N, C-alpha and C. Protein backbone atom coordinates (compact mmCIF):
# COMPACT_ATOMS: atom_id res chain seq x y z
N MET A 1 -9.41 10.73 95.54
CA MET A 1 -9.74 9.83 94.45
C MET A 1 -8.71 8.73 94.37
N PRO A 2 -9.16 7.52 94.03
CA PRO A 2 -8.18 6.43 93.94
C PRO A 2 -7.30 6.59 92.71
N ALA A 3 -6.09 6.20 92.84
CA ALA A 3 -5.14 6.31 91.74
C ALA A 3 -5.48 5.28 90.67
N ARG A 4 -5.33 5.71 89.39
CA ARG A 4 -5.61 4.81 88.27
C ARG A 4 -4.46 3.85 88.08
N ARG A 5 -4.85 2.66 87.72
CA ARG A 5 -3.82 1.67 87.43
C ARG A 5 -3.40 1.81 85.97
N PRO A 6 -2.13 1.72 85.74
CA PRO A 6 -1.68 1.82 84.34
C PRO A 6 -2.18 0.64 83.53
N GLY A 7 -2.70 0.94 82.33
CA GLY A 7 -3.21 -0.11 81.45
C GLY A 7 -2.07 -0.83 80.75
N PRO A 8 -2.42 -1.81 79.97
CA PRO A 8 -1.37 -2.55 79.25
C PRO A 8 -0.70 -1.65 78.23
N ALA A 9 0.55 -1.84 78.09
CA ALA A 9 1.33 -1.02 77.17
C ALA A 9 0.89 -1.29 75.74
N ALA A 10 0.70 -0.17 74.98
CA ALA A 10 0.28 -0.30 73.59
C ALA A 10 1.43 -0.81 72.75
N LYS A 11 1.09 -1.68 71.84
CA LYS A 11 2.12 -2.23 70.98
C LYS A 11 2.49 -1.21 69.91
N ALA A 12 3.76 -1.07 69.67
CA ALA A 12 4.25 -0.17 68.64
C ALA A 12 3.94 -0.75 67.27
N HIS A 13 3.42 0.14 66.36
CA HIS A 13 3.07 -0.33 65.02
C HIS A 13 4.32 -0.47 64.18
N SER A 14 4.42 -1.55 63.52
CA SER A 14 5.57 -1.80 62.67
C SER A 14 5.24 -1.40 61.24
N TYR A 15 6.02 -0.58 60.61
CA TYR A 15 5.82 -0.12 59.25
C TYR A 15 6.56 -0.99 58.24
N ARG A 16 7.11 -2.08 58.75
CA ARG A 16 7.79 -2.96 57.82
C ARG A 16 6.78 -3.67 56.95
N LYS A 17 7.14 -3.93 55.70
CA LYS A 17 6.26 -4.62 54.77
C LYS A 17 6.13 -6.06 55.18
N GLN A 18 4.89 -6.42 55.46
CA GLN A 18 4.65 -7.79 55.88
C GLN A 18 4.27 -8.63 54.67
N THR A 19 4.88 -9.74 54.55
CA THR A 19 4.60 -10.64 53.43
C THR A 19 3.47 -11.56 53.82
N PRO A 20 2.43 -11.64 52.95
CA PRO A 20 1.31 -12.52 53.27
C PRO A 20 1.74 -13.97 53.19
N PRO A 21 1.08 -14.83 53.92
CA PRO A 21 1.44 -16.24 53.85
C PRO A 21 1.20 -16.80 52.45
N GLN A 22 1.89 -17.86 52.15
CA GLN A 22 1.80 -18.45 50.83
C GLN A 22 0.40 -18.99 50.58
N GLY A 23 -0.08 -18.80 49.32
CA GLY A 23 -1.40 -19.29 48.95
C GLY A 23 -2.54 -18.31 49.23
N SER A 24 -2.25 -17.17 49.86
CA SER A 24 -3.30 -16.18 50.15
C SER A 24 -2.93 -14.84 49.53
N GLU A 25 -2.78 -14.82 48.21
CA GLU A 25 -2.42 -13.59 47.53
C GLU A 25 -3.66 -12.69 47.41
N GLN A 26 -3.46 -11.44 47.73
CA GLN A 26 -4.56 -10.47 47.67
C GLN A 26 -4.67 -9.90 46.26
N GLN A 27 -5.91 -9.79 45.74
CA GLN A 27 -6.11 -9.24 44.41
C GLN A 27 -6.03 -7.72 44.44
N ARG A 28 -5.50 -7.16 43.36
CA ARG A 28 -5.39 -5.72 43.25
C ARG A 28 -6.59 -5.18 42.47
N LEU A 29 -7.07 -4.02 42.91
CA LEU A 29 -8.19 -3.37 42.23
C LEU A 29 -7.65 -2.56 41.06
N ALA A 30 -8.34 -2.66 39.93
CA ALA A 30 -7.92 -1.94 38.73
C ALA A 30 -8.74 -0.66 38.61
N PHE A 31 -8.06 0.49 38.76
CA PHE A 31 -8.71 1.78 38.65
C PHE A 31 -8.43 2.36 37.26
N PRO A 32 -9.39 3.09 36.66
CA PRO A 32 -9.14 3.68 35.34
C PRO A 32 -8.08 4.75 35.42
N GLN A 33 -7.22 4.76 34.42
CA GLN A 33 -6.15 5.74 34.36
C GLN A 33 -6.68 7.04 33.76
N GLY A 34 -6.10 8.13 34.09
CA GLY A 34 -6.50 9.42 33.54
C GLY A 34 -6.90 10.38 34.65
N ASP A 35 -7.32 11.56 34.22
CA ASP A 35 -7.70 12.62 35.15
C ASP A 35 -9.14 12.38 35.59
N LEU A 36 -9.29 11.89 36.85
CA LEU A 36 -10.62 11.61 37.36
C LEU A 36 -11.37 12.87 37.77
N GLY A 37 -10.63 13.95 38.00
CA GLY A 37 -11.28 15.17 38.45
C GLY A 37 -11.78 16.06 37.33
N LYS A 38 -11.61 15.60 36.05
CA LYS A 38 -12.04 16.42 34.94
C LYS A 38 -13.55 16.37 34.78
N ILE A 39 -14.17 17.52 34.72
CA ILE A 39 -15.63 17.61 34.60
C ILE A 39 -15.97 17.70 33.12
N PRO A 40 -16.92 16.89 32.62
CA PRO A 40 -17.28 16.97 31.20
C PRO A 40 -17.89 18.31 30.86
N GLU A 41 -17.62 18.74 29.63
CA GLU A 41 -18.13 20.03 29.18
C GLU A 41 -19.64 19.95 28.98
N THR A 42 -20.32 20.99 29.39
CA THR A 42 -21.77 21.07 29.22
C THR A 42 -22.09 22.28 28.37
N ARG A 43 -23.21 22.19 27.65
CA ARG A 43 -23.63 23.29 26.80
C ARG A 43 -24.51 24.25 27.58
N ALA A 44 -24.51 25.48 27.13
CA ALA A 44 -25.33 26.49 27.79
C ALA A 44 -26.81 26.17 27.60
N VAL A 45 -27.58 26.40 28.62
CA VAL A 45 -29.01 26.09 28.59
C VAL A 45 -29.79 27.39 28.79
N ASP A 46 -30.77 27.61 27.92
CA ASP A 46 -31.66 28.76 28.03
C ASP A 46 -33.07 28.27 27.73
N CYS A 47 -33.82 27.91 28.75
CA CYS A 47 -35.15 27.33 28.57
C CYS A 47 -36.22 28.39 28.39
N ARG A 48 -35.87 29.65 28.46
CA ARG A 48 -36.86 30.71 28.36
C ARG A 48 -37.05 31.20 26.94
N ALA A 49 -36.45 30.52 25.96
CA ALA A 49 -36.56 30.95 24.57
C ALA A 49 -37.98 30.77 24.07
N SER A 50 -38.46 31.73 23.29
CA SER A 50 -39.82 31.67 22.76
C SER A 50 -39.80 31.03 21.38
N VAL A 51 -40.91 30.41 21.02
CA VAL A 51 -41.04 29.77 19.72
C VAL A 51 -41.37 30.83 18.68
N ALA A 52 -40.77 30.71 17.49
CA ALA A 52 -41.01 31.67 16.41
C ALA A 52 -42.46 31.58 15.94
N LEU A 53 -43.00 32.69 15.56
CA LEU A 53 -44.37 32.74 15.05
C LEU A 53 -44.46 32.05 13.70
N PRO A 54 -45.63 31.50 13.36
CA PRO A 54 -45.78 30.87 12.03
C PRO A 54 -45.49 31.82 10.87
N VAL A 55 -45.76 33.11 11.05
CA VAL A 55 -45.47 34.07 9.98
C VAL A 55 -43.98 34.16 9.74
N HIS A 56 -43.20 34.17 10.81
CA HIS A 56 -41.74 34.22 10.67
C HIS A 56 -41.20 32.94 10.04
N ARG A 57 -41.80 31.81 10.41
CA ARG A 57 -41.38 30.54 9.80
C ARG A 57 -41.68 30.53 8.30
N LEU A 58 -42.86 31.03 7.94
CA LEU A 58 -43.23 31.08 6.53
C LEU A 58 -42.30 31.99 5.75
N PHE A 59 -41.89 33.10 6.36
CA PHE A 59 -40.97 34.02 5.69
C PHE A 59 -39.61 33.34 5.48
N ALA A 60 -39.12 32.62 6.49
CA ALA A 60 -37.83 31.93 6.35
C ALA A 60 -37.92 30.82 5.31
N ALA A 61 -39.04 30.08 5.30
CA ALA A 61 -39.21 29.01 4.31
C ALA A 61 -39.32 29.58 2.90
N SER A 62 -39.95 30.76 2.76
CA SER A 62 -40.07 31.38 1.44
C SER A 62 -38.70 31.81 0.92
N LEU A 63 -37.87 32.34 1.80
CA LEU A 63 -36.53 32.75 1.37
C LEU A 63 -35.69 31.54 0.97
N ASP A 64 -35.77 30.47 1.76
CA ASP A 64 -35.04 29.26 1.39
C ASP A 64 -35.59 28.66 0.10
N GLY A 65 -36.91 28.69 -0.08
CA GLY A 65 -37.49 28.21 -1.32
C GLY A 65 -37.06 29.02 -2.53
N ALA A 66 -36.90 30.34 -2.34
CA ALA A 66 -36.43 31.18 -3.43
C ALA A 66 -34.99 30.83 -3.81
N MET A 67 -34.17 30.52 -2.81
CA MET A 67 -32.79 30.11 -3.10
C MET A 67 -32.76 28.80 -3.88
N VAL A 68 -33.63 27.85 -3.51
CA VAL A 68 -33.70 26.57 -4.23
C VAL A 68 -34.21 26.79 -5.64
N ALA A 69 -35.21 27.65 -5.81
CA ALA A 69 -35.75 27.92 -7.15
C ALA A 69 -34.72 28.57 -8.06
N ILE A 70 -33.92 29.48 -7.49
CA ILE A 70 -32.88 30.13 -8.29
C ILE A 70 -31.83 29.11 -8.72
N SER A 71 -31.40 28.25 -7.79
CA SER A 71 -30.39 27.25 -8.14
C SER A 71 -30.93 26.24 -9.15
N PHE A 72 -32.21 25.86 -9.02
CA PHE A 72 -32.79 24.92 -9.98
C PHE A 72 -32.96 25.59 -11.34
N GLY A 73 -33.31 26.87 -11.36
CA GLY A 73 -33.40 27.60 -12.62
C GLY A 73 -32.06 27.69 -13.32
N LEU A 74 -30.99 27.94 -12.54
CA LEU A 74 -29.65 27.97 -13.14
C LEU A 74 -29.28 26.61 -13.71
N PHE A 75 -29.70 25.54 -13.04
CA PHE A 75 -29.44 24.19 -13.54
C PHE A 75 -30.14 23.97 -14.89
N LEU A 76 -31.40 24.43 -15.02
CA LEU A 76 -32.12 24.27 -16.28
C LEU A 76 -31.51 25.12 -17.38
N ILE A 77 -31.02 26.32 -17.02
CA ILE A 77 -30.39 27.18 -18.03
C ILE A 77 -29.11 26.54 -18.56
N VAL A 78 -28.33 25.94 -17.67
CA VAL A 78 -27.10 25.25 -18.10
C VAL A 78 -27.45 24.09 -19.03
N LEU A 79 -28.50 23.34 -18.70
CA LEU A 79 -28.91 22.23 -19.57
C LEU A 79 -29.35 22.74 -20.94
N HIS A 80 -30.08 23.87 -20.95
CA HIS A 80 -30.55 24.42 -22.22
C HIS A 80 -29.38 24.92 -23.07
N LEU A 81 -28.40 25.57 -22.43
CA LEU A 81 -27.24 26.06 -23.18
C LEU A 81 -26.36 24.92 -23.67
N ALA A 82 -26.42 23.79 -22.97
CA ALA A 82 -25.63 22.64 -23.39
C ALA A 82 -26.27 21.90 -24.56
N GLY A 83 -27.46 22.30 -24.96
CA GLY A 83 -28.12 21.68 -26.10
C GLY A 83 -29.15 20.64 -25.75
N ALA A 84 -29.42 20.46 -24.46
CA ALA A 84 -30.43 19.47 -24.08
C ALA A 84 -31.80 20.10 -24.17
N SER A 85 -32.68 19.47 -24.92
CA SER A 85 -34.04 19.98 -25.07
C SER A 85 -35.01 18.90 -24.60
N ALA A 86 -35.81 19.24 -23.59
CA ALA A 86 -36.77 18.29 -23.05
C ALA A 86 -38.14 18.95 -23.05
N PRO A 87 -39.01 18.55 -23.94
CA PRO A 87 -40.36 19.14 -23.94
C PRO A 87 -41.13 18.72 -22.70
N LEU A 88 -42.00 19.62 -22.25
CA LEU A 88 -42.78 19.35 -21.05
C LEU A 88 -43.95 18.43 -21.39
N THR A 89 -43.78 17.17 -21.07
CA THR A 89 -44.83 16.18 -21.31
C THR A 89 -45.12 15.46 -20.00
N SER A 90 -46.04 14.51 -20.08
CA SER A 90 -46.38 13.74 -18.88
C SER A 90 -45.22 12.86 -18.41
N ARG A 91 -44.26 12.61 -19.30
CA ARG A 91 -43.10 11.80 -18.91
C ARG A 91 -41.98 12.64 -18.30
N THR A 92 -41.87 13.88 -18.71
CA THR A 92 -40.79 14.73 -18.19
C THR A 92 -41.14 15.42 -16.88
N TRP A 93 -42.43 15.62 -16.60
CA TRP A 93 -42.80 16.29 -15.35
C TRP A 93 -42.31 15.54 -14.11
N PRO A 94 -42.46 14.23 -14.01
CA PRO A 94 -41.92 13.53 -12.83
C PRO A 94 -40.40 13.65 -12.71
N ILE A 95 -39.71 13.70 -13.84
CA ILE A 95 -38.25 13.84 -13.80
C ILE A 95 -37.87 15.22 -13.28
N LEU A 96 -38.57 16.25 -13.75
CA LEU A 96 -38.30 17.60 -13.26
C LEU A 96 -38.65 17.74 -11.78
N GLY A 97 -39.75 17.10 -11.37
CA GLY A 97 -40.12 17.15 -9.95
C GLY A 97 -39.09 16.45 -9.07
N ALA A 98 -38.57 15.31 -9.55
CA ALA A 98 -37.53 14.60 -8.80
C ALA A 98 -36.25 15.42 -8.73
N ALA A 99 -35.92 16.10 -9.84
CA ALA A 99 -34.72 16.94 -9.84
C ALA A 99 -34.87 18.12 -8.88
N ALA A 100 -36.07 18.70 -8.81
CA ALA A 100 -36.31 19.80 -7.86
C ALA A 100 -36.22 19.30 -6.43
N PHE A 101 -36.74 18.10 -6.17
CA PHE A 101 -36.66 17.54 -4.82
C PHE A 101 -35.21 17.24 -4.43
N VAL A 102 -34.42 16.74 -5.37
CA VAL A 102 -33.00 16.48 -5.08
C VAL A 102 -32.26 17.79 -4.81
N THR A 103 -32.60 18.84 -5.57
CA THR A 103 -31.97 20.15 -5.33
C THR A 103 -32.31 20.68 -3.95
N LEU A 104 -33.58 20.55 -3.55
CA LEU A 104 -33.99 20.98 -2.20
C LEU A 104 -33.28 20.17 -1.12
N THR A 105 -33.17 18.86 -1.32
CA THR A 105 -32.51 18.01 -0.33
C THR A 105 -31.04 18.36 -0.19
N ILE A 106 -30.37 18.58 -1.31
CA ILE A 106 -28.94 18.96 -1.25
C ILE A 106 -28.77 20.30 -0.56
N TYR A 107 -29.66 21.25 -0.85
CA TYR A 107 -29.58 22.57 -0.22
C TYR A 107 -29.71 22.46 1.30
N ARG A 108 -30.69 21.68 1.76
CA ARG A 108 -30.90 21.54 3.21
C ARG A 108 -29.78 20.71 3.84
N LEU A 109 -29.28 19.72 3.11
CA LEU A 109 -28.23 18.86 3.65
C LEU A 109 -26.93 19.62 3.86
N ILE A 110 -26.67 20.59 3.01
CA ILE A 110 -25.45 21.40 3.15
C ILE A 110 -25.44 22.12 4.49
N TRP A 111 -26.57 22.73 4.86
CA TRP A 111 -26.65 23.48 6.12
C TRP A 111 -26.62 22.54 7.32
N CYS A 112 -27.21 21.35 7.17
CA CYS A 112 -27.19 20.38 8.28
C CYS A 112 -25.78 19.89 8.54
N LEU A 113 -25.05 19.56 7.48
CA LEU A 113 -23.68 19.07 7.66
C LEU A 113 -22.74 20.17 8.13
N ALA A 114 -23.03 21.41 7.73
CA ALA A 114 -22.21 22.54 8.20
C ALA A 114 -22.51 22.88 9.65
N GLY A 115 -23.68 22.47 10.15
CA GLY A 115 -24.03 22.74 11.54
C GLY A 115 -24.43 24.18 11.80
N VAL A 116 -24.94 24.87 10.78
CA VAL A 116 -25.36 26.27 10.94
C VAL A 116 -26.77 26.42 10.38
N ASP A 117 -27.41 27.55 10.67
CA ASP A 117 -28.74 27.83 10.18
C ASP A 117 -28.68 28.26 8.71
N SER A 118 -29.78 28.04 8.01
CA SER A 118 -29.83 28.35 6.58
C SER A 118 -29.90 29.86 6.37
N ILE A 119 -29.78 30.25 5.10
CA ILE A 119 -29.82 31.68 4.77
C ILE A 119 -31.20 32.25 5.11
N GLY A 120 -32.25 31.51 4.79
CA GLY A 120 -33.59 32.00 5.09
C GLY A 120 -33.83 32.19 6.57
N MET A 121 -33.32 31.27 7.40
CA MET A 121 -33.46 31.42 8.85
C MET A 121 -32.75 32.66 9.35
N ARG A 122 -31.54 32.89 8.84
CA ARG A 122 -30.78 34.05 9.31
C ARG A 122 -31.39 35.35 8.82
N TRP A 123 -31.88 35.37 7.58
CA TRP A 123 -32.50 36.59 7.07
C TRP A 123 -33.80 36.90 7.80
N ALA A 124 -34.49 35.87 8.23
CA ALA A 124 -35.73 36.08 8.97
C ALA A 124 -35.48 36.39 10.44
N GLY A 125 -34.24 36.39 10.87
CA GLY A 125 -33.92 36.69 12.27
C GLY A 125 -34.24 35.54 13.21
N LEU A 126 -34.09 34.30 12.73
CA LEU A 126 -34.38 33.12 13.55
C LEU A 126 -33.12 32.29 13.72
N ARG A 127 -33.11 31.51 14.76
CA ARG A 127 -32.05 30.53 14.97
C ARG A 127 -32.68 29.27 15.53
N LEU A 128 -32.03 28.14 15.28
CA LEU A 128 -32.55 26.84 15.69
C LEU A 128 -31.90 26.42 17.00
N ILE A 129 -32.72 25.99 17.97
CA ILE A 129 -32.22 25.48 19.24
C ILE A 129 -32.99 24.21 19.57
N ASN A 130 -32.46 23.43 20.51
CA ASN A 130 -33.18 22.23 20.95
C ASN A 130 -33.97 22.54 22.21
N PHE A 131 -34.66 21.53 22.73
CA PHE A 131 -35.52 21.75 23.89
C PHE A 131 -34.73 22.10 25.15
N ASP A 132 -33.44 21.86 25.18
CA ASP A 132 -32.60 22.26 26.30
C ASP A 132 -32.14 23.70 26.19
N GLY A 133 -32.42 24.35 25.06
CA GLY A 133 -31.99 25.72 24.86
C GLY A 133 -30.63 25.86 24.27
N ALA A 134 -29.98 24.75 23.92
CA ALA A 134 -28.63 24.79 23.35
C ALA A 134 -28.70 24.68 21.84
N GLU A 135 -27.59 25.01 21.20
CA GLU A 135 -27.51 24.88 19.75
C GLU A 135 -27.54 23.41 19.36
N PRO A 136 -28.39 23.01 18.42
CA PRO A 136 -28.50 21.59 18.10
C PRO A 136 -27.24 21.04 17.45
N THR A 137 -27.02 19.76 17.65
CA THR A 137 -25.88 19.09 17.05
C THR A 137 -26.18 18.77 15.59
N ARG A 138 -25.18 18.24 14.90
CA ARG A 138 -25.37 17.87 13.50
C ARG A 138 -26.40 16.75 13.37
N ALA A 139 -26.36 15.79 14.30
CA ALA A 139 -27.33 14.69 14.26
C ALA A 139 -28.75 15.19 14.49
N GLU A 140 -28.92 16.16 15.39
CA GLU A 140 -30.25 16.72 15.63
C GLU A 140 -30.77 17.49 14.42
N ARG A 141 -29.87 18.17 13.71
CA ARG A 141 -30.29 18.88 12.50
C ARG A 141 -30.70 17.90 11.40
N LEU A 142 -29.95 16.80 11.26
CA LEU A 142 -30.31 15.79 10.27
C LEU A 142 -31.65 15.13 10.62
N HIS A 143 -31.85 14.89 11.91
CA HIS A 143 -33.13 14.31 12.36
C HIS A 143 -34.28 15.26 12.05
N ARG A 144 -34.06 16.54 12.24
CA ARG A 144 -35.11 17.52 11.93
C ARG A 144 -35.40 17.55 10.44
N MET A 145 -34.37 17.43 9.61
CA MET A 145 -34.59 17.46 8.17
C MET A 145 -35.43 16.27 7.71
N VAL A 146 -35.16 15.09 8.27
CA VAL A 146 -35.93 13.90 7.90
C VAL A 146 -37.37 14.01 8.38
N THR A 147 -37.55 14.45 9.62
CA THR A 147 -38.90 14.53 10.17
C THR A 147 -39.72 15.65 9.52
N SER A 148 -39.05 16.68 9.00
CA SER A 148 -39.80 17.73 8.30
C SER A 148 -40.39 17.21 7.00
N CYS A 149 -39.71 16.24 6.37
CA CYS A 149 -40.29 15.60 5.18
C CYS A 149 -41.55 14.84 5.54
N ILE A 150 -41.57 14.22 6.73
CA ILE A 150 -42.77 13.52 7.18
C ILE A 150 -43.91 14.51 7.41
N SER A 151 -43.60 15.65 8.01
CA SER A 151 -44.63 16.67 8.27
C SER A 151 -45.22 17.21 6.97
N ALA A 152 -44.35 17.42 5.97
CA ALA A 152 -44.83 17.98 4.71
C ALA A 152 -45.56 16.94 3.87
N SER A 153 -45.13 15.67 3.96
CA SER A 153 -45.74 14.63 3.12
C SER A 153 -47.14 14.26 3.60
N ALA A 154 -47.48 14.55 4.85
CA ALA A 154 -48.82 14.23 5.36
C ALA A 154 -49.80 15.35 5.00
N ALA A 155 -49.82 15.70 3.72
CA ALA A 155 -50.72 16.76 3.20
C ALA A 155 -50.51 18.08 3.93
N GLY A 156 -49.32 18.29 4.47
CA GLY A 156 -49.03 19.53 5.16
C GLY A 156 -49.62 19.64 6.55
N LEU A 157 -50.22 18.55 7.06
CA LEU A 157 -50.83 18.61 8.39
C LEU A 157 -49.79 18.81 9.48
N GLY A 158 -48.60 18.25 9.28
CA GLY A 158 -47.55 18.43 10.28
C GLY A 158 -47.10 19.86 10.41
N LEU A 159 -47.15 20.59 9.30
CA LEU A 159 -46.78 22.01 9.34
C LEU A 159 -47.92 22.85 9.89
N ALA A 160 -49.16 22.51 9.51
CA ALA A 160 -50.32 23.26 9.99
C ALA A 160 -50.61 23.01 11.46
N TRP A 161 -49.97 21.99 12.04
CA TRP A 161 -50.18 21.70 13.45
C TRP A 161 -49.73 22.85 14.34
N ALA A 162 -48.81 23.68 13.86
CA ALA A 162 -48.34 24.82 14.65
C ALA A 162 -49.44 25.84 14.89
N LEU A 163 -50.49 25.84 14.06
CA LEU A 163 -51.58 26.80 14.22
C LEU A 163 -52.51 26.42 15.37
N VAL A 164 -52.57 25.12 15.70
CA VAL A 164 -53.46 24.67 16.76
C VAL A 164 -52.71 24.17 17.99
N ASP A 165 -51.41 24.04 17.89
CA ASP A 165 -50.63 23.56 19.03
C ASP A 165 -50.53 24.65 20.09
N GLU A 166 -50.54 24.23 21.34
CA GLU A 166 -50.49 25.19 22.44
C GLU A 166 -49.17 25.95 22.47
N GLU A 167 -48.10 25.27 22.11
CA GLU A 167 -46.77 25.90 22.12
C GLU A 167 -46.31 26.32 20.73
N ARG A 168 -47.22 26.24 19.72
CA ARG A 168 -46.93 26.62 18.34
C ARG A 168 -45.80 25.78 17.75
N LEU A 169 -45.78 24.50 18.06
CA LEU A 169 -44.76 23.59 17.54
C LEU A 169 -45.36 22.69 16.47
N THR A 170 -44.59 22.39 15.45
CA THR A 170 -45.02 21.48 14.39
C THR A 170 -44.69 20.05 14.77
N TRP A 171 -45.06 19.11 13.89
CA TRP A 171 -44.76 17.70 14.16
C TRP A 171 -43.26 17.47 14.21
N HIS A 172 -42.52 18.05 13.25
CA HIS A 172 -41.07 17.80 13.25
C HIS A 172 -40.37 18.53 14.38
N ASP A 173 -41.00 19.57 14.95
CA ASP A 173 -40.44 20.17 16.17
C ASP A 173 -40.53 19.18 17.33
N HIS A 174 -41.67 18.53 17.46
CA HIS A 174 -41.84 17.56 18.54
C HIS A 174 -40.97 16.33 18.33
N MET A 175 -40.88 15.86 17.08
CA MET A 175 -40.12 14.64 16.83
C MET A 175 -38.61 14.85 16.95
N SER A 176 -38.11 15.98 16.49
CA SER A 176 -36.67 16.24 16.56
C SER A 176 -36.25 16.96 17.83
N LYS A 177 -37.24 17.45 18.62
CA LYS A 177 -36.96 18.19 19.85
C LYS A 177 -36.11 19.43 19.58
N THR A 178 -36.39 20.08 18.46
CA THR A 178 -35.76 21.35 18.11
C THR A 178 -36.84 22.30 17.62
N PHE A 179 -36.57 23.61 17.68
CA PHE A 179 -37.54 24.60 17.20
C PHE A 179 -36.82 25.90 16.91
N PRO A 180 -37.36 26.70 15.98
CA PRO A 180 -36.76 28.01 15.70
C PRO A 180 -37.22 29.04 16.72
N THR A 181 -36.33 29.92 17.06
CA THR A 181 -36.63 30.98 18.01
C THR A 181 -36.06 32.30 17.48
N PRO A 182 -36.70 33.43 17.78
CA PRO A 182 -36.15 34.71 17.31
C PRO A 182 -34.81 35.01 17.96
N ILE A 183 -33.95 35.61 17.16
CA ILE A 183 -32.65 36.03 17.68
C ILE A 183 -32.85 37.29 18.50
N ALA A 184 -32.32 37.28 19.72
CA ALA A 184 -32.47 38.44 20.60
C ALA A 184 -31.72 39.62 20.00
N PRO A 185 -32.37 40.78 19.89
CA PRO A 185 -31.67 41.95 19.34
C PRO A 185 -30.56 42.40 20.27
N ALA A 186 -29.48 42.85 19.67
CA ALA A 186 -28.35 43.32 20.46
C ALA A 186 -28.72 44.59 21.22
N ARG A 187 -28.36 44.59 22.47
CA ARG A 187 -28.68 45.75 23.30
C ARG A 187 -27.70 46.88 23.02
N ARG A 188 -28.24 48.00 22.68
CA ARG A 188 -27.40 49.16 22.43
C ARG A 188 -27.19 49.93 23.72
N PRO A 189 -25.97 50.38 23.98
CA PRO A 189 -25.75 51.15 25.20
C PRO A 189 -26.44 52.51 25.14
N ARG A 190 -26.99 52.90 26.27
CA ARG A 190 -27.68 54.19 26.35
C ARG A 190 -26.66 55.33 26.19
N PRO A 191 -27.02 56.34 25.42
CA PRO A 191 -26.08 57.47 25.29
C PRO A 191 -25.95 58.24 26.60
N THR A 192 -24.75 58.53 26.93
CA THR A 192 -24.50 59.29 28.17
C THR A 192 -24.65 60.79 27.90
N ALA A 193 -24.62 61.56 28.97
CA ALA A 193 -24.78 62.99 28.81
C ALA A 193 -23.60 63.58 28.06
N TYR A 194 -22.40 62.96 28.22
CA TYR A 194 -21.22 63.48 27.52
C TYR A 194 -21.33 63.21 26.02
N ALA A 195 -21.89 62.03 25.66
CA ALA A 195 -22.01 61.68 24.24
C ALA A 195 -23.07 62.52 23.54
N MET A 196 -24.05 63.04 24.29
CA MET A 196 -25.12 63.83 23.68
C MET A 196 -24.67 65.25 23.39
N ARG A 197 -23.57 65.67 23.96
CA ARG A 197 -23.09 67.05 23.73
C ARG A 197 -22.42 67.17 22.37
């Protein structure tokens, strides 16, 4: 085989800092400061949750309504003991209805701002989740409270929609993208042979 001819000698790379010629300054890229490798927190997702039955919803609403009625009754008792006497006439009925509505709104607003389910929901064994299966945020709970007023004000058609809906969802469930679901019962450990003795 013929001998190879040596190629041109490679130039040694100089690591000295080279200054660019005048008038040709290179722009620097601005990168955001901070931990770029930090992954944002995500909420747990459970899409297999079932929608609560209308009977369970009615039971939870009845319990919450009883709590509102008790608090409104206590309010009227305090007014009576304070010496305020208001006969039931055509002029006082709208005032009492407005006071009952304000009491109901305050009751529901407390649970929304606290970010937890109401007493009636917990007693009925229900919890509120969104369509992603996660616990709803405070804004989602407030949105549900507003849209539930729309469902109830339409002659109750928004609430009765759960009876004909394929997924048993009401209007405010669809609008707020939240729905009540039964709380899964805690699994009890099976008794072992030693524990049975």
